[in-house]
Amino acid sequence: MTGRIHSIQSLGAVDGPGLRAVAFLQGCPLRCAYCHNPDTWDFSGGTEITPQELAQKLLRYRPYFRGKGGVTLTGGEPLAQAPFVEEVFRLLRAQGVHTALDTSCMGDLDDAARVLAHTSLVLADVKFLTREDYRRYCGGSLDRVWDFLRLTGQMGVPLWIRHVVVPGLTDGEAHIRALGRELRRFPNVEKVELLPFRKLCLEKYQAMGLPFPLEQVPEMDEAACRGLERFLQE
């Protein structure tokens, strides 16, 4: 078995608890309007590697992430390579490593269950709250997101939720209240992160000759984003 990875980041500090070794997997079925990694979309791109080789590479960083840290697999969409991810996580957990899956929840549920059996923490993106917005701005299914989150609860896997706050799209008080209500359905949610929309990826889109759909949208003010957090509990 082999998978395809885009790159490895040795010391990630925002991809789960503690310091993390982070592997970016190649390939994603979505086309999210604010995606920062369009270079991970192509399923034929990146570097081919076996689960054993990737686990070995990630374990080299163990002196840095030991203790409260671990390994995070992100993308791209890791669940698009579920058997590969399952085996990488199995190998890492056998070595006592904390494993985090950073996902947009787009994957077959049976495959996802096998991955979750070896997953210490799920970092899940909940991007929009209506089926129409999910189709329009991501090209994906909101129902699949809720199905996956229910699965994490059934399997008892701790869940952190991430939600990008985009001016004019997801920054309304009513929207954040609705997000909080939806997430209270899942008892395994330990944390909700509101992430301010940024355009650091703009040069990457330009270099790839791709239009950035939200180029004319202003970045989200950090303080205003933090101020919205109180509405999650209302």
Protein backbone atom coordinates (compact mmCIF):
# COMPACT_ATOMS: atom_id res chain seq x y z
CA MET A 1 0.00 0.00 0.00
CA THR A 2 1.14 3.54 -0.72
CA GLY A 3 -0.28 7.01 -0.22
CA ARG A 4 0.61 10.45 -1.52
CA ILE A 5 1.82 13.30 0.67
CA HIS A 6 2.42 16.94 -0.17
CA SER A 7 4.85 17.86 2.61
CA ILE A 8 5.82 17.45 6.25
CA GLN A 9 6.02 20.23 8.84
CA SER A 10 8.30 19.35 11.71
CA LEU A 11 6.98 21.64 14.45
CA GLY A 12 3.31 22.57 14.11
CA ALA A 13 1.84 24.49 17.04
CA VAL A 14 -1.77 24.99 15.85
CA ASP A 15 -2.67 21.47 14.70
CA GLY A 16 -3.72 19.87 17.98
CA PRO A 17 -2.34 19.83 21.52
CA GLY A 18 1.34 20.52 22.10
CA LEU A 19 3.96 20.53 19.39
CA ARG A 20 3.08 18.34 16.40
CA ALA A 21 4.76 16.71 13.46
CA VAL A 22 2.30 17.45 10.65
CA ALA A 23 1.99 15.58 7.36
CA PHE A 24 -0.03 17.21 4.57
CA LEU A 25 -1.65 14.55 2.42
CA GLN A 26 -2.23 15.07 -1.27
CA GLY A 27 -5.67 15.19 -2.85
CA CYS A 28 -8.99 16.77 -1.89
CA PRO A 29 -12.53 16.32 -3.27
CA LEU A 30 -13.60 19.81 -2.17
CA ARG A 31 -12.92 23.24 -3.64
CA CYS A 32 -13.53 25.50 -0.67
CA ALA A 33 -13.70 29.19 -1.48
CA TYR A 34 -11.09 30.10 1.15
CA CYS A 35 -8.79 27.06 0.84
CA HIS A 36 -5.18 27.93 1.71
CA ASN A 37 -3.69 24.82 0.09
CA PRO A 38 -4.78 24.58 -3.56
CA ASP A 39 -1.50 22.82 -4.26
CA THR A 40 -2.85 19.82 -2.35
CA TRP A 41 -5.98 19.37 -4.50
CA ASP A 42 -4.53 17.19 -7.26
CA PHE A 43 -4.74 13.50 -6.32
CA SER A 44 -1.88 12.67 -8.68
CA GLY A 45 0.48 15.25 -7.19
CA GLY A 46 2.85 15.05 -4.26
CA THR A 47 5.16 12.18 -3.35
CA GLU A 48 4.28 8.50 -3.19
CA ILE A 49 5.18 6.84 0.12
CA THR A 50 4.33 3.75 2.16
CA PRO A 51 2.69 3.97 5.60
CA GLN A 52 5.84 2.52 7.15
CA GLU A 53 8.04 5.14 5.49
CA LEU A 54 5.81 8.01 6.57
CA ALA A 55 5.51 6.73 10.14
CA GLN A 56 9.29 6.40 10.28
CA LYS A 57 9.79 9.96 9.05
CA LEU A 58 7.32 11.33 11.59
CA LEU A 59 8.82 9.39 14.48
CA ARG A 60 12.13 11.15 13.87
CA TYR A 61 10.53 14.27 15.37
CA ARG A 62 9.53 12.47 18.55
CA PRO A 63 12.16 14.25 20.69
CA TYR A 64 10.34 17.51 19.89
CA PHE A 65 6.71 16.44 20.28
CA ARG A 66 7.03 13.92 23.12
CA GLY A 67 4.81 14.54 26.10
CA LYS A 68 1.74 16.60 25.20
CA GLY A 69 2.36 16.65 21.44
CA GLY A 70 2.06 14.10 18.68
CA VAL A 71 1.36 13.69 14.98
CA THR A 72 -1.36 15.32 12.87
CA LEU A 73 -2.39 14.20 9.39
CA THR A 74 -4.04 16.96 7.38
CA GLY A 75 -4.32 17.85 3.71
CA GLY A 76 -5.77 17.91 1.30
CA GLU A 77 -8.29 15.52 2.79
CA PRO A 78 -6.84 12.60 4.75
CA LEU A 79 -10.07 10.57 4.56
CA ALA A 80 -9.64 10.44 0.78
CA GLN A 81 -6.73 8.09 1.55
CA ALA A 82 -8.40 6.34 4.47
CA PRO A 83 -6.67 2.91 4.31
CA PHE A 84 -3.28 4.64 4.15
CA VAL A 85 -4.13 6.92 7.09
CA GLU A 86 -5.49 3.98 9.08
CA GLU A 87 -2.19 2.15 8.74
CA VAL A 88 -0.04 5.19 9.53
CA PHE A 89 -2.08 5.88 12.67
CA ARG A 90 -1.98 2.20 13.68
CA LEU A 91 1.81 2.22 13.46
CA LEU A 92 2.09 5.46 15.42
CA ARG A 93 -0.35 4.44 18.15
CA ALA A 94 1.62 1.22 18.59
CA GLN A 95 4.54 3.49 19.50
CA GLY A 96 2.43 5.43 22.01
CA VAL A 97 2.06 8.52 19.79
CA HIS A 98 -0.97 10.83 20.04
CA THR A 99 -2.65 10.94 16.61
CA ALA A 100 -4.83 13.80 15.33
CA LEU A 101 -6.93 13.74 12.17
CA ASP A 102 -7.51 17.18 10.62
CA THR A 103 -10.45 16.68 8.26
CA SER A 104 -13.28 18.34 6.35
CA CYS A 105 -15.30 15.17 7.13
CA MET A 106 -15.50 14.14 3.48
CA GLY A 107 -15.10 10.38 3.38
CA ASP A 108 -16.86 7.04 3.37
CA LEU A 109 -18.16 6.35 6.88
CA ASP A 110 -17.04 2.72 6.96
CA ASP A 111 -13.53 3.78 5.96
CA ALA A 112 -13.66 6.64 8.45
CA ALA A 113 -14.61 4.29 11.28
CA ARG A 114 -11.49 2.22 10.65
CA VAL A 115 -9.37 5.38 10.78
CA LEU A 116 -11.08 6.61 13.95
CA ALA A 117 -10.24 3.33 15.69
CA HIS A 118 -6.62 4.56 15.73
CA THR A 119 -7.31 8.29 16.20
CA SER A 120 -6.68 10.15 19.47
CA LEU A 121 -8.32 13.43 18.40
CA VAL A 122 -10.34 14.75 15.46
CA LEU A 123 -9.94 18.34 14.28
CA ALA A 124 -13.03 18.86 12.13
CA ASP A 125 -13.82 21.77 9.83
CA VAL A 126 -17.45 22.85 9.89
CA LYS A 127 -17.44 25.36 7.08
CA PHE A 128 -21.09 26.42 6.56
CA LEU A 129 -24.47 25.63 8.09
CA THR A 130 -26.77 25.14 5.10
CA ARG A 131 -26.73 22.55 2.34
CA GLU A 132 -26.85 25.32 -0.25
CA ASP A 133 -23.79 27.14 1.11
CA TYR A 134 -21.83 23.89 1.39
CA ARG A 135 -22.51 23.12 -2.25
CA ARG A 136 -21.87 26.68 -3.42
CA TYR A 137 -18.70 27.48 -1.48
CA CYS A 138 -17.17 24.02 -1.00
CA GLY A 139 -18.70 21.65 -3.52
CA GLY A 140 -19.49 19.26 -0.68
CA SER A 141 -22.30 17.79 1.41
CA LEU A 142 -23.33 19.21 4.79
CA ASP A 143 -25.16 15.97 5.58
CA ARG A 144 -21.89 14.07 5.29
CA VAL A 145 -20.31 16.43 7.82
CA TRP A 146 -23.03 15.79 10.41
CA ASP A 147 -22.89 12.03 9.74
CA PHE A 148 -19.14 11.99 10.34
CA LEU A 149 -19.40 14.04 13.54
CA ARG A 150 -22.06 11.65 14.86
CA LEU A 151 -19.68 8.79 14.12
CA THR A 152 -16.92 10.39 16.19
CA GLY A 153 -19.37 10.63 19.09
CA GLN A 154 -20.47 7.01 18.74
CA MET A 155 -16.83 5.93 18.80
CA GLY A 156 -15.92 8.22 21.70
CA VAL A 157 -13.21 10.15 19.84
CA PRO A 158 -12.55 13.65 21.26
CA LEU A 159 -13.53 16.40 18.83
CA TRP A 160 -12.24 19.91 18.22
CA ILE A 161 -14.26 22.03 15.79
CA ARG A 162 -12.79 24.70 13.53
CA HIS A 163 -14.88 27.33 11.76
CA VAL A 164 -13.47 30.04 9.49
CA VAL A 165 -15.15 33.40 10.05
CA VAL A 166 -15.51 35.20 6.71
CA PRO A 167 -16.85 38.78 6.57
CA GLY A 168 -20.27 38.80 4.94
CA LEU A 169 -20.53 35.00 4.93
CA THR A 170 -20.03 33.50 8.38
CA ASP A 171 -19.49 36.48 10.69
CA GLY A 172 -23.06 37.22 11.76
CA GLU A 173 -24.10 36.88 15.40
CA ALA A 174 -27.10 34.76 14.42
CA HIS A 175 -24.84 32.49 12.39
CA ILE A 176 -22.45 31.92 15.30
CA ARG A 177 -25.37 31.23 17.66
CA ALA A 178 -26.69 28.68 15.16
CA LEU A 179 -23.24 27.08 14.98
CA GLY A 180 -23.15 26.75 18.75
CA ARG A 181 -26.61 25.16 18.81
CA GLU A 182 -25.68 22.64 16.14
CA LEU A 183 -22.47 21.65 17.90
CA ARG A 184 -24.18 21.07 21.24
CA ARG A 185 -25.70 17.98 19.62
CA PHE A 186 -22.28 16.31 19.84
CA PRO A 187 -21.23 15.55 23.43
CA ASN A 188 -17.63 14.76 22.46
CA VAL A 189 -16.91 18.36 21.33
CA GLU A 190 -14.15 19.62 23.61
CA LYS A 191 -13.25 22.86 21.87
CA VAL A 192 -14.55 25.24 19.19
CA GLU A 193 -12.09 27.50 17.38
CA LEU A 194 -13.25 30.50 15.37
CA LEU A 195 -10.52 31.24 12.82
CA PRO A 196 -10.38 34.69 11.19
CA PHE A 197 -10.39 34.62 7.39
CA ARG A 198 -6.97 35.47 5.92
CA LYS A 199 -5.60 35.83 2.39
CA LEU A 200 -2.03 34.64 2.93
CA CYS A 201 -2.66 32.11 0.15
CA LEU A 202 -3.23 34.75 -2.55
CA GLU A 203 0.28 34.54 -4.02
CA LYS A 204 -0.02 30.76 -4.21
CA TYR A 205 -3.21 31.04 -6.27
CA GLN A 206 -1.59 33.60 -8.55
CA ALA A 207 1.49 31.41 -9.06
CA MET A 208 -0.76 28.49 -9.99
CA GLY A 209 -2.84 30.62 -12.36
CA LEU A 210 -5.98 30.05 -10.30
CA PRO A 211 -8.59 32.67 -9.34
CA PHE A 212 -9.06 33.10 -5.59
CA PRO A 213 -12.85 33.25 -5.16
CA LEU A 214 -12.74 35.53 -2.12
CA GLU A 215 -10.02 37.89 -3.32
CA GLN A 216 -12.26 40.95 -2.92
CA VAL A 217 -13.48 39.97 0.56
CA PRO A 218 -11.68 41.82 3.39
CA GLU A 219 -9.78 39.83 5.99
CA MET A 220 -11.54 39.23 9.30
CA ASP A 221 -10.53 41.44 12.19
CA GLU A 222 -8.95 39.32 14.94
CA ALA A 223 -10.58 41.19 17.83
CA ALA A 224 -14.00 41.06 16.18
CA CYS A 225 -13.56 37.34 15.64
CA ARG A 226 -12.74 36.79 19.31
CA GLY A 227 -15.77 38.88 20.24
CA LEU A 228 -18.03 36.44 18.43
CA GLU A 229 -16.99 33.57 20.67
CA ARG A 230 -19.49 34.51 23.37
CA PHE A 231 -22.37 33.80 20.97
CA LEU A 232 -21.37 30.14 20.73
CA GLN A 233 -22.98 29.56 24.13
CA GLU A 234 -26.23 31.43 23.43
